[in-house]
Amino acid sequence: MSTFSFRLEKILRLRALEETEKARALGNALAEAEALRREREEAEARVARCREQMAERVSEPRAAGHLWNLHLTVGAAEDVAREAGRREEASEDVVEEAREEFGEARKDRRVLESLEDRARGAWRTDRSRDEQKETDGVASQRWLRGDES
């Protein structure tokens, strides 16, 4: 009997490699998104601290220039936080795209695996039929010769 061979095995292996690559890209995108989320949260925490410090300083008599510098500092911290938020949103788009690409690669691999399973099942059925025919042929020849053993 011949051994099973799937004609699309090389393509299946390539699809599996592609799926692994897409999974790695998704993992990297998720890690980057998480880092950007932490960065945004830290920037927002800095803004909150700056506002608290400004509120503490405003209650005391200060020079107008000093208050203006505090206001500029808070504004700069807010700008950094907004930019971090924009970068985080952009990373979420990258994550979604990577997730879709991974899903497609996974689906492509599964389709080929399904074809392989069907082909293997058909091969097993054919092999069983051939073995049965061979067994029947041997039994038939023995019967015709009169062998009872």
N, C-alpha and C. Protein backbone atom coordinates (compact mmCIF):
# COMPACT_ATOMS: atom_id res chain seq x y z
N MET A 1 0.83 -1.18 0.00
CA MET A 1 0.00 0.00 0.00
C MET A 1 0.88 1.25 0.00
N SER A 2 0.40 2.24 -0.67
CA SER A 2 1.12 3.51 -0.70
C SER A 2 0.84 4.32 0.56
N THR A 3 1.75 5.20 0.87
CA THR A 3 1.54 6.07 2.03
C THR A 3 0.79 7.31 1.57
N PHE A 4 0.13 7.94 2.51
CA PHE A 4 -0.65 9.13 2.19
C PHE A 4 0.28 10.30 1.91
N SER A 5 -0.04 11.03 0.84
CA SER A 5 0.68 12.28 0.59
C SER A 5 -0.34 13.32 0.16
N PHE A 6 -0.21 14.49 0.75
CA PHE A 6 -1.11 15.60 0.46
C PHE A 6 -0.40 16.52 -0.52
N ARG A 7 -1.00 16.68 -1.69
CA ARG A 7 -0.33 17.46 -2.74
C ARG A 7 -0.14 18.92 -2.36
N LEU A 8 -0.95 19.43 -1.46
CA LEU A 8 -0.86 20.84 -1.07
C LEU A 8 -0.09 21.02 0.25
N GLU A 9 0.72 20.01 0.60
CA GLU A 9 1.44 20.05 1.88
C GLU A 9 2.37 21.26 1.98
N LYS A 10 3.07 21.59 0.91
CA LYS A 10 3.98 22.73 0.94
C LYS A 10 3.20 24.03 1.17
N ILE A 11 2.08 24.14 0.51
CA ILE A 11 1.26 25.34 0.68
C ILE A 11 0.72 25.40 2.10
N LEU A 12 0.33 24.25 2.63
CA LEU A 12 -0.15 24.20 4.01
C LEU A 12 0.95 24.66 4.98
N ARG A 13 2.16 24.20 4.76
CA ARG A 13 3.27 24.63 5.62
C ARG A 13 3.52 26.13 5.50
N LEU A 14 3.43 26.64 4.27
CA LEU A 14 3.61 28.08 4.07
C LEU A 14 2.51 28.87 4.77
N ARG A 15 1.29 28.36 4.70
CA ARG A 15 0.17 29.03 5.39
C ARG A 15 0.36 29.01 6.90
N ALA A 16 0.88 27.91 7.41
CA ALA A 16 1.14 27.82 8.84
C ALA A 16 2.24 28.81 9.25
N LEU A 17 3.27 28.93 8.44
CA LEU A 17 4.32 29.90 8.71
C LEU A 17 3.78 31.33 8.65
N GLU A 18 2.92 31.58 7.67
CA GLU A 18 2.31 32.90 7.55
C GLU A 18 1.44 33.20 8.78
N GLU A 19 0.71 32.21 9.23
CA GLU A 19 -0.13 32.40 10.42
C GLU A 19 0.75 32.72 11.63
N THR A 20 1.85 32.01 11.77
CA THR A 20 2.77 32.27 12.88
C THR A 20 3.33 33.69 12.80
N GLU A 21 3.68 34.10 11.60
CA GLU A 21 4.20 35.45 11.40
C GLU A 21 3.14 36.51 11.75
N LYS A 22 1.92 36.27 11.32
CA LYS A 22 0.83 37.21 11.61
C LYS A 22 0.53 37.23 13.11
N ALA A 23 0.63 36.08 13.76
CA ALA A 23 0.42 36.03 15.21
C ALA A 23 1.51 36.83 15.93
N ARG A 24 2.73 36.71 15.45
CA ARG A 24 3.83 37.46 16.04
C ARG A 24 3.61 38.97 15.83
N ALA A 25 3.17 39.35 14.64
CA ALA A 25 2.90 40.77 14.36
C ALA A 25 1.77 41.28 15.26
N LEU A 26 0.75 40.45 15.45
CA LEU A 26 -0.35 40.84 16.34
C LEU A 26 0.16 41.00 17.77
N GLY A 27 0.97 40.09 18.22
CA GLY A 27 1.54 40.19 19.56
C GLY A 27 2.37 41.45 19.73
N ASN A 28 3.17 41.78 18.72
CA ASN A 28 3.96 43.00 18.77
C ASN A 28 3.07 44.24 18.80
N ALA A 29 2.02 44.23 17.98
CA ALA A 29 1.09 45.36 17.95
C ALA A 29 0.38 45.52 19.29
N LEU A 30 -0.01 44.40 19.89
CA LEU A 30 -0.66 44.46 21.21
C LEU A 30 0.30 44.99 22.27
N ALA A 31 1.55 44.55 22.22
CA ALA A 31 2.54 45.03 23.18
C ALA A 31 2.79 46.53 23.01
N GLU A 32 2.87 46.97 21.77
CA GLU A 32 3.06 48.40 21.49
C GLU A 32 1.86 49.21 21.97
N ALA A 33 0.66 48.70 21.73
CA ALA A 33 -0.55 49.40 22.18
C ALA A 33 -0.58 49.49 23.70
N GLU A 34 -0.17 48.43 24.37
CA GLU A 34 -0.14 48.45 25.83
C GLU A 34 0.88 49.46 26.35
N ALA A 35 2.04 49.51 25.71
CA ALA A 35 3.07 50.49 26.10
C ALA A 35 2.56 51.91 25.91
N LEU A 36 1.87 52.14 24.80
CA LEU A 36 1.32 53.47 24.53
C LEU A 36 0.19 53.82 25.50
N ARG A 37 -0.58 52.82 25.89
CA ARG A 37 -1.63 53.06 26.88
C ARG A 37 -1.02 53.49 28.21
N ARG A 38 0.04 52.78 28.63
CA ARG A 38 0.73 53.16 29.87
C ARG A 38 1.34 54.56 29.76
N GLU A 39 1.90 54.85 28.60
CA GLU A 39 2.49 56.17 28.37
C GLU A 39 1.42 57.26 28.49
N ARG A 40 0.25 57.02 27.90
CA ARG A 40 -0.84 57.99 27.99
C ARG A 40 -1.29 58.17 29.44
N GLU A 41 -1.44 57.05 30.16
CA GLU A 41 -1.86 57.14 31.55
C GLU A 41 -0.85 57.91 32.39
N GLU A 42 0.43 57.68 32.13
CA GLU A 42 1.47 58.42 32.86
C GLU A 42 1.42 59.90 32.53
N ALA A 43 1.19 60.22 31.26
CA ALA A 43 1.10 61.63 30.86
C ALA A 43 -0.11 62.29 31.51
N GLU A 44 -1.22 61.57 31.57
CA GLU A 44 -2.42 62.12 32.22
C GLU A 44 -2.18 62.31 33.72
N ALA A 45 -1.43 61.40 34.33
CA ALA A 45 -1.10 61.54 35.75
C ALA A 45 -0.21 62.76 35.97
N ARG A 46 0.74 63.02 35.04
CA ARG A 46 1.59 64.21 35.15
C ARG A 46 0.76 65.48 35.05
N VAL A 47 -0.24 65.47 34.15
CA VAL A 47 -1.13 66.63 34.02
C VAL A 47 -1.86 66.87 35.33
N ALA A 48 -2.36 65.81 35.93
CA ALA A 48 -3.09 65.94 37.20
C ALA A 48 -2.16 66.49 38.28
N ARG A 49 -0.92 66.00 38.34
CA ARG A 49 0.03 66.52 39.33
C ARG A 49 0.35 67.99 39.08
N CYS A 50 0.52 68.35 37.83
CA CYS A 50 0.80 69.75 37.49
C CYS A 50 -0.36 70.65 37.91
N ARG A 51 -1.56 70.19 37.65
CA ARG A 51 -2.74 70.99 38.03
C ARG A 51 -2.83 71.13 39.55
N GLU A 52 -2.55 70.04 40.26
CA GLU A 52 -2.56 70.12 41.73
C GLU A 52 -1.52 71.11 42.24
N GLN A 53 -0.33 71.05 41.67
CA GLN A 53 0.73 71.97 42.08
C GLN A 53 0.37 73.40 41.74
N MET A 54 -0.25 73.58 40.59
CA MET A 54 -0.65 74.93 40.20
C MET A 54 -1.72 75.45 41.16
N ALA A 55 -2.68 74.60 41.51
CA ALA A 55 -3.73 75.02 42.44
C ALA A 55 -3.14 75.39 43.79
N GLU A 56 -2.14 74.65 44.23
CA GLU A 56 -1.49 74.97 45.50
C GLU A 56 -0.77 76.32 45.43
N ARG A 57 -0.14 76.58 44.31
CA ARG A 57 0.65 77.80 44.16
C ARG A 57 -0.23 79.03 43.93
N VAL A 58 -1.37 78.83 43.29
CA VAL A 58 -2.24 79.95 42.97
C VAL A 58 -2.83 80.56 44.24
N SER A 59 -3.04 79.74 45.25
CA SER A 59 -3.63 80.23 46.49
C SER A 59 -2.69 81.18 47.24
N GLU A 60 -1.42 81.09 46.94
CA GLU A 60 -0.44 81.99 47.56
C GLU A 60 -0.16 83.16 46.61
N PRO A 61 0.19 84.28 47.15
CA PRO A 61 0.53 85.42 46.28
C PRO A 61 1.79 85.09 45.46
N ARG A 62 1.68 85.22 44.14
CA ARG A 62 2.80 84.95 43.22
C ARG A 62 2.85 86.05 42.17
N ALA A 63 3.99 86.14 41.58
CA ALA A 63 4.15 87.09 40.48
C ALA A 63 3.41 86.55 39.26
N ALA A 64 2.92 87.46 38.44
CA ALA A 64 2.16 87.07 37.26
C ALA A 64 3.00 86.19 36.33
N GLY A 65 4.27 86.50 36.20
CA GLY A 65 5.15 85.70 35.34
C GLY A 65 5.28 84.27 35.85
N HIS A 66 5.33 84.13 37.16
CA HIS A 66 5.43 82.79 37.74
C HIS A 66 4.15 81.99 37.46
N LEU A 67 3.01 82.65 37.63
CA LEU A 67 1.74 81.97 37.34
C LEU A 67 1.64 81.61 35.86
N TRP A 68 2.12 82.51 35.01
CA TRP A 68 2.08 82.23 33.57
C TRP A 68 2.97 81.03 33.25
N ASN A 69 4.12 80.92 33.87
CA ASN A 69 5.00 79.77 33.66
C ASN A 69 4.33 78.47 34.11
N LEU A 70 3.63 78.55 35.26
CA LEU A 70 2.90 77.37 35.72
C LEU A 70 1.83 76.97 34.70
N HIS A 71 1.12 77.99 34.18
CA HIS A 71 0.08 77.73 33.17
C HIS A 71 0.70 77.09 31.92
N LEU A 72 1.84 77.60 31.48
CA LEU A 72 2.51 77.02 30.31
C LEU A 72 2.96 75.59 30.58
N THR A 73 3.42 75.32 31.79
CA THR A 73 3.85 73.97 32.15
C THR A 73 2.68 73.00 32.09
N VAL A 74 1.53 73.43 32.64
CA VAL A 74 0.34 72.58 32.58
C VAL A 74 -0.08 72.38 31.14
N GLY A 75 -0.04 73.43 30.34
CA GLY A 75 -0.40 73.33 28.92
C GLY A 75 0.50 72.36 28.17
N ALA A 76 1.80 72.43 28.45
CA ALA A 76 2.74 71.51 27.80
C ALA A 76 2.45 70.07 28.21
N ALA A 77 2.16 69.85 29.48
CA ALA A 77 1.84 68.50 29.94
C ALA A 77 0.56 68.01 29.28
N GLU A 78 -0.42 68.88 29.10
CA GLU A 78 -1.67 68.50 28.42
C GLU A 78 -1.41 68.16 26.96
N ASP A 79 -0.53 68.92 26.32
CA ASP A 79 -0.18 68.62 24.92
C ASP A 79 0.46 67.24 24.80
N VAL A 80 1.35 66.93 25.74
CA VAL A 80 2.00 65.62 25.73
C VAL A 80 0.96 64.52 25.93
N ALA A 81 0.02 64.75 26.84
CA ALA A 81 -1.02 63.75 27.10
C ALA A 81 -1.91 63.57 25.88
N ARG A 82 -2.27 64.67 25.21
CA ARG A 82 -3.10 64.56 23.99
C ARG A 82 -2.37 63.79 22.90
N GLU A 83 -1.09 64.09 22.72
CA GLU A 83 -0.31 63.38 21.70
C GLU A 83 -0.20 61.90 22.04
N ALA A 84 -0.01 61.59 23.30
CA ALA A 84 0.04 60.19 23.72
C ALA A 84 -1.30 59.51 23.43
N GLY A 85 -2.40 60.21 23.66
CA GLY A 85 -3.73 59.66 23.35
C GLY A 85 -3.90 59.41 21.87
N ARG A 86 -3.42 60.34 21.03
CA ARG A 86 -3.51 60.15 19.56
C ARG A 86 -2.69 58.94 19.13
N ARG A 87 -1.48 58.80 19.68
CA ARG A 87 -0.64 57.66 19.32
C ARG A 87 -1.27 56.35 19.78
N GLU A 88 -1.91 56.38 20.95
CA GLU A 88 -2.59 55.18 21.43
C GLU A 88 -3.74 54.80 20.49
N GLU A 89 -4.52 55.78 20.05
CA GLU A 89 -5.62 55.50 19.12
C GLU A 89 -5.10 54.93 17.81
N ALA A 90 -4.00 55.49 17.32
CA ALA A 90 -3.41 54.98 16.08
C ALA A 90 -2.94 53.54 16.27
N SER A 91 -2.40 53.23 17.44
CA SER A 91 -1.93 51.86 17.70
C SER A 91 -3.10 50.89 17.75
N GLU A 92 -4.25 51.35 18.20
CA GLU A 92 -5.44 50.50 18.21
C GLU A 92 -5.87 50.13 16.79
N ASP A 93 -5.70 51.06 15.85
CA ASP A 93 -5.99 50.75 14.45
C ASP A 93 -5.02 49.70 13.92
N VAL A 94 -3.76 49.83 14.31
CA VAL A 94 -2.75 48.85 13.88
C VAL A 94 -3.08 47.48 14.46
N VAL A 95 -3.50 47.44 15.72
CA VAL A 95 -3.87 46.18 16.37
C VAL A 95 -5.05 45.56 15.64
N GLU A 96 -6.04 46.35 15.30
CA GLU A 96 -7.22 45.81 14.62
C GLU A 96 -6.85 45.25 13.25
N GLU A 97 -5.99 45.95 12.53
CA GLU A 97 -5.54 45.47 11.22
C GLU A 97 -4.75 44.16 11.37
N ALA A 98 -3.86 44.12 12.36
CA ALA A 98 -3.08 42.90 12.60
C ALA A 98 -3.99 41.75 13.00
N ARG A 99 -5.02 42.05 13.79
CA ARG A 99 -5.98 41.02 14.21
C ARG A 99 -6.72 40.45 12.99
N GLU A 100 -7.12 41.33 12.08
CA GLU A 100 -7.81 40.87 10.86
C GLU A 100 -6.89 40.02 9.99
N GLU A 101 -5.64 40.46 9.83
CA GLU A 101 -4.69 39.70 9.02
C GLU A 101 -4.42 38.33 9.63
N PHE A 102 -4.31 38.29 10.95
CA PHE A 102 -4.11 37.01 11.63
C PHE A 102 -5.32 36.11 11.41
N GLY A 103 -6.51 36.67 11.53
CA GLY A 103 -7.73 35.89 11.31
C GLY A 103 -7.80 35.31 9.90
N GLU A 104 -7.41 36.10 8.92
CA GLU A 104 -7.40 35.61 7.53
C GLU A 104 -6.37 34.50 7.36
N ALA A 105 -5.18 34.70 7.91
CA ALA A 105 -4.14 33.67 7.79
C ALA A 105 -4.58 32.38 8.48
N ARG A 106 -5.23 32.53 9.62
CA ARG A 106 -5.72 31.36 10.35
C ARG A 106 -6.79 30.62 9.54
N LYS A 107 -7.69 31.39 8.95
CA LYS A 107 -8.75 30.79 8.13
C LYS A 107 -8.15 30.06 6.93
N ASP A 108 -7.17 30.69 6.27
CA ASP A 108 -6.53 30.05 5.11
C ASP A 108 -5.89 28.72 5.49
N ARG A 109 -5.20 28.71 6.64
CA ARG A 109 -4.57 27.46 7.08
C ARG A 109 -5.62 26.41 7.40
N ARG A 110 -6.69 26.80 8.07
CA ARG A 110 -7.74 25.85 8.43
C ARG A 110 -8.42 25.25 7.19
N VAL A 111 -8.59 26.05 6.16
CA VAL A 111 -9.20 25.53 4.93
C VAL A 111 -8.32 24.43 4.35
N LEU A 112 -7.02 24.69 4.31
CA LEU A 112 -6.11 23.67 3.78
C LEU A 112 -6.06 22.43 4.67
N GLU A 113 -6.12 22.62 5.97
CA GLU A 113 -6.15 21.47 6.88
C GLU A 113 -7.42 20.66 6.68
N SER A 114 -8.52 21.34 6.43
CA SER A 114 -9.78 20.64 6.16
C SER A 114 -9.67 19.82 4.87
N LEU A 115 -9.06 20.41 3.85
CA LEU A 115 -8.84 19.67 2.60
C LEU A 115 -7.94 18.46 2.83
N GLU A 116 -6.92 18.64 3.65
CA GLU A 116 -6.03 17.52 3.96
C GLU A 116 -6.79 16.42 4.70
N ASP A 117 -7.62 16.80 5.65
CA ASP A 117 -8.40 15.80 6.39
C ASP A 117 -9.33 15.02 5.46
N ARG A 118 -9.97 15.74 4.55
CA ARG A 118 -10.85 15.06 3.58
C ARG A 118 -10.06 14.11 2.69
N ALA A 119 -8.91 14.59 2.21
CA ALA A 119 -8.08 13.75 1.33
C ALA A 119 -7.58 12.53 2.09
N ARG A 120 -7.19 12.72 3.35
CA ARG A 120 -6.72 11.59 4.15
C ARG A 120 -7.86 10.59 4.38
N GLY A 121 -9.05 11.08 4.64
CA GLY A 121 -10.21 10.20 4.82
C GLY A 121 -10.51 9.41 3.56
N ALA A 122 -10.45 10.09 2.41
CA ALA A 122 -10.69 9.40 1.13
C ALA A 122 -9.60 8.36 0.88
N TRP A 123 -8.36 8.70 1.22
CA TRP A 123 -7.26 7.76 1.03
C TRP A 123 -7.46 6.52 1.91
N ARG A 124 -7.87 6.74 3.16
CA ARG A 124 -8.11 5.61 4.07
C ARG A 124 -9.24 4.72 3.54
N THR A 125 -10.30 5.35 3.04
CA THR A 125 -11.42 4.59 2.49
C THR A 125 -10.96 3.76 1.30
N ASP A 126 -10.20 4.38 0.40
CA ASP A 126 -9.69 3.66 -0.76
C ASP A 126 -8.76 2.53 -0.33
N ARG A 127 -7.92 2.79 0.65
CA ARG A 127 -6.99 1.77 1.13
C ARG A 127 -7.77 0.60 1.74
N SER A 128 -8.80 0.89 2.51
CA SER A 128 -9.62 -0.17 3.11
C SER A 128 -10.30 -1.00 2.03
N ARG A 129 -10.81 -0.32 1.01
CA ARG A 129 -11.46 -1.04 -0.10
C ARG A 129 -10.46 -1.95 -0.81
N ASP A 130 -9.27 -1.40 -1.06
CA ASP A 130 -8.25 -2.20 -1.74
C ASP A 130 -7.85 -3.40 -0.88
N GLU A 131 -7.70 -3.20 0.42
CA GLU A 131 -7.35 -4.30 1.31
C GLU A 131 -8.46 -5.34 1.34
N GLN A 132 -9.70 -4.88 1.33
CA GLN A 132 -10.84 -5.80 1.34
C GLN A 132 -10.89 -6.59 0.04
N LYS A 133 -10.62 -5.91 -1.09
CA LYS A 133 -10.60 -6.61 -2.37
C LYS A 133 -9.51 -7.68 -2.38
N GLU A 134 -8.36 -7.32 -1.84
CA GLU A 134 -7.25 -8.27 -1.81
C GLU A 134 -7.60 -9.47 -0.92
N THR A 135 -8.19 -9.18 0.24
CA THR A 135 -8.60 -10.26 1.15
C THR A 135 -9.66 -11.14 0.49
N ASP A 136 -10.62 -10.50 -0.16
CA ASP A 136 -11.68 -11.26 -0.86
C ASP A 136 -11.09 -12.10 -1.98
N GLY A 137 -10.11 -11.56 -2.69
CA GLY A 137 -9.48 -12.31 -3.78
C GLY A 137 -8.74 -13.53 -3.26
N VAL A 138 -8.03 -13.37 -2.15
CA VAL A 138 -7.30 -14.50 -1.55
C VAL A 138 -8.29 -15.55 -1.09
N ALA A 139 -9.36 -15.12 -0.42
CA ALA A 139 -10.38 -16.06 0.06
C ALA A 139 -11.05 -16.77 -1.10
N SER A 140 -11.32 -16.03 -2.17
CA SER A 140 -11.96 -16.62 -3.34
C SER A 140 -11.05 -17.67 -3.98
N GLN A 141 -9.77 -17.38 -4.08
CA GLN A 141 -8.84 -18.35 -4.67
C GLN A 141 -8.72 -19.60 -3.81
N ARG A 142 -8.72 -19.42 -2.49
CA ARG A 142 -8.67 -20.58 -1.61
C ARG A 142 -9.93 -21.41 -1.75
N TRP A 143 -11.04 -20.77 -1.85
CA TRP A 143 -12.31 -21.48 -1.98
C TRP A 143 -12.33 -22.27 -3.28
N LEU A 144 -11.83 -21.63 -4.38
CA LEU A 144 -11.81 -22.32 -5.65
C LEU A 144 -10.84 -23.50 -5.64
N ARG A 145 -9.76 -23.38 -4.91
CA ARG A 145 -8.79 -24.48 -4.83
C ARG A 145 -9.24 -25.53 -3.83
N GLY A 146 -10.18 -25.15 -3.01
CA GLY A 146 -10.66 -26.09 -2.03
C GLY A 146 -9.88 -26.06 -0.74
N ASP A 147 -9.11 -25.03 -0.51
CA ASP A 147 -8.38 -24.91 0.76
C ASP A 147 -9.35 -24.51 1.85
N GLU A 148 -9.32 -25.24 2.91
CA GLU A 148 -10.21 -24.96 4.05
C GLU A 148 -9.44 -24.37 5.21
N SER A 149 -8.14 -24.20 5.08
CA SER A 149 -7.33 -23.74 6.19
C SER A 149 -7.27 -22.29 6.32
